[in-house]
């Protein structure tokens, strides 16, 4: 059971990381500094979650 939960957690972390990267890539030059900061924070959180799930 633990292995299944671990795999699900890792898969969710990988999906969130992909979504965070896509969000950051989609921001254009006109994105506000606060929007950019939030996207970078999301990316960092997703990377941290993936590291914990590994």
N, C-alpha and C. Protein backbone atom coordinates (compact mmCIF):
# COMPACT_ATOMS: atom_id res chain seq x y z
N UNK A 1 0.82 -1.20 0.00
CA UNK A 1 0.00 0.00 0.00
C UNK A 1 0.86 1.26 0.00
N UNK A 2 1.94 1.24 0.78
CA UNK A 2 2.82 2.41 0.85
C UNK A 2 3.43 2.71 -0.51
N UNK A 3 3.78 1.66 -1.25
CA UNK A 3 4.38 1.86 -2.57
C UNK A 3 3.40 2.54 -3.52
N UNK A 4 2.14 2.15 -3.45
CA UNK A 4 1.13 2.77 -4.32
C UNK A 4 0.98 4.24 -3.96
N UNK A 5 0.88 4.56 -2.67
CA UNK A 5 0.76 5.95 -2.26
C UNK A 5 1.99 6.73 -2.66
N UNK A 6 3.15 6.13 -2.53
CA UNK A 6 4.40 6.78 -2.90
C UNK A 6 4.43 7.08 -4.40
N UNK A 7 3.98 6.11 -5.19
CA UNK A 7 3.94 6.32 -6.65
C UNK A 7 2.94 7.40 -7.01
N UNK A 8 1.78 7.40 -6.34
CA UNK A 8 0.78 8.43 -6.61
C UNK A 8 1.29 9.81 -6.23
N UNK A 9 2.00 9.89 -5.11
CA UNK A 9 2.55 11.17 -4.65
C UNK A 9 3.59 11.67 -5.64
N UNK A 10 4.45 10.78 -6.09
CA UNK A 10 5.47 11.18 -7.07
C UNK A 10 4.83 11.63 -8.38
N UNK A 11 3.84 10.89 -8.83
CA UNK A 11 3.16 11.25 -10.08
C UNK A 11 2.49 12.61 -9.95
N UNK A 12 1.86 12.86 -8.82
CA UNK A 12 1.21 14.16 -8.60
C UNK A 12 2.25 15.27 -8.57
N UNK A 13 3.39 15.01 -7.94
CA UNK A 13 4.45 16.01 -7.88
C UNK A 13 5.01 16.29 -9.27
N UNK A 14 5.15 15.25 -10.08
CA UNK A 14 5.64 15.44 -11.45
C UNK A 14 4.64 16.24 -12.29
N UNK A 15 3.34 15.96 -12.11
CA UNK A 15 2.33 16.74 -12.84
C UNK A 15 2.35 18.20 -12.42
N UNK A 16 2.48 18.45 -11.13
CA UNK A 16 2.52 19.84 -10.65
C UNK A 16 3.76 20.56 -11.17
N UNK A 17 4.89 19.86 -11.21
CA UNK A 17 6.11 20.47 -11.74
C UNK A 17 5.93 20.82 -13.22
N UNK A 18 5.34 19.92 -13.98
CA UNK A 18 5.10 20.19 -15.40
C UNK A 18 4.17 21.39 -15.57
N UNK A 19 3.12 21.45 -14.75
CA UNK A 19 2.18 22.57 -14.84
C UNK A 19 2.86 23.88 -14.44
N UNK A 20 3.69 23.84 -13.43
CA UNK A 20 4.39 25.05 -12.99
C UNK A 20 5.35 25.54 -14.07
N UNK A 21 6.04 24.61 -14.71
CA UNK A 21 6.95 24.99 -15.80
C UNK A 21 6.18 25.58 -16.98
N UNK A 22 5.05 24.98 -17.30
CA UNK A 22 4.23 25.48 -18.40
C UNK A 22 3.70 26.88 -18.09
N UNK A 23 3.27 27.07 -16.84
CA UNK A 23 2.78 28.39 -16.44
C UNK A 23 3.88 29.44 -16.60
N UNK A 24 5.06 29.12 -16.11
CA UNK A 24 6.17 30.06 -16.19
C UNK A 24 6.53 30.35 -17.66
N UNK A 25 6.53 29.32 -18.47
CA UNK A 25 6.86 29.50 -19.90
C UNK A 25 5.81 30.32 -20.63
N UNK A 26 4.58 30.30 -20.14
CA UNK A 26 3.50 31.01 -20.83
C UNK A 26 3.48 32.50 -20.51
N UNK A 27 4.19 32.89 -19.49
CA UNK A 27 4.18 34.31 -19.11
C UNK A 27 4.96 35.12 -20.14
N UNK A 28 4.38 36.18 -20.58
CA UNK A 28 5.02 37.04 -21.56
C UNK A 28 5.77 38.18 -20.89
N UNK A 29 6.33 39.02 -21.71
CA UNK A 29 7.10 40.17 -21.23
C UNK A 29 6.25 41.15 -20.44
N UNK A 30 4.95 41.10 -20.66
CA UNK A 30 4.07 42.05 -19.98
C UNK A 30 3.58 41.54 -18.62
N UNK A 31 4.02 40.36 -18.22
CA UNK A 31 3.60 39.81 -16.92
C UNK A 31 4.12 40.72 -15.80
N UNK A 32 3.28 40.93 -14.83
CA UNK A 32 3.68 41.78 -13.71
C UNK A 32 4.73 41.07 -12.87
N UNK A 33 5.56 41.85 -12.18
CA UNK A 33 6.56 41.23 -11.31
C UNK A 33 5.94 40.30 -10.27
N UNK A 34 4.78 40.67 -9.73
CA UNK A 34 4.16 39.81 -8.73
C UNK A 34 3.68 38.50 -9.34
N UNK A 35 3.20 38.55 -10.58
CA UNK A 35 2.77 37.33 -11.27
C UNK A 35 3.96 36.42 -11.53
N UNK A 36 5.05 37.01 -11.95
CA UNK A 36 6.28 36.25 -12.19
C UNK A 36 6.77 35.63 -10.88
N UNK A 37 6.73 36.39 -9.82
CA UNK A 37 7.18 35.89 -8.52
C UNK A 37 6.32 34.70 -8.07
N UNK A 38 5.00 34.80 -8.25
CA UNK A 38 4.11 33.69 -7.87
C UNK A 38 4.41 32.44 -8.69
N UNK A 39 4.68 32.62 -9.97
CA UNK A 39 4.99 31.49 -10.83
C UNK A 39 6.31 30.84 -10.41
N UNK A 40 7.28 31.67 -10.06
CA UNK A 40 8.56 31.13 -9.60
C UNK A 40 8.41 30.40 -8.27
N UNK A 41 7.58 30.94 -7.39
CA UNK A 41 7.32 30.28 -6.11
C UNK A 41 6.64 28.93 -6.32
N UNK A 42 5.70 28.89 -7.27
CA UNK A 42 5.02 27.63 -7.57
C UNK A 42 6.02 26.62 -8.11
N UNK A 43 6.91 27.07 -8.98
CA UNK A 43 7.93 26.18 -9.53
C UNK A 43 8.83 25.64 -8.42
N UNK A 44 9.26 26.50 -7.53
CA UNK A 44 10.12 26.06 -6.42
C UNK A 44 9.40 25.06 -5.53
N UNK A 45 8.15 25.33 -5.22
CA UNK A 45 7.37 24.42 -4.38
C UNK A 45 7.20 23.06 -5.06
N UNK A 46 6.98 23.08 -6.36
CA UNK A 46 6.81 21.83 -7.10
C UNK A 46 8.13 21.05 -7.11
N UNK A 47 9.24 21.74 -7.28
CA UNK A 47 10.54 21.05 -7.25
C UNK A 47 10.80 20.46 -5.87
N UNK A 48 10.46 21.20 -4.83
CA UNK A 48 10.63 20.70 -3.46
C UNK A 48 9.76 19.48 -3.22
N UNK A 49 8.52 19.53 -3.67
CA UNK A 49 7.61 18.39 -3.49
C UNK A 49 8.12 17.16 -4.21
N UNK A 50 8.65 17.35 -5.39
CA UNK A 50 9.19 16.22 -6.15
C UNK A 50 10.40 15.63 -5.44
N UNK A 51 11.24 16.47 -4.89
CA UNK A 51 12.41 15.98 -4.16
C UNK A 51 11.98 15.15 -2.95
N UNK A 52 10.94 15.60 -2.26
CA UNK A 52 10.44 14.86 -1.10
C UNK A 52 9.81 13.53 -1.51
N UNK A 53 9.21 13.49 -2.68
CA UNK A 53 8.53 12.29 -3.15
C UNK A 53 9.52 11.26 -3.70
N UNK A 54 10.73 11.68 -3.97
CA UNK A 54 11.72 10.77 -4.58
C UNK A 54 12.19 9.71 -3.60
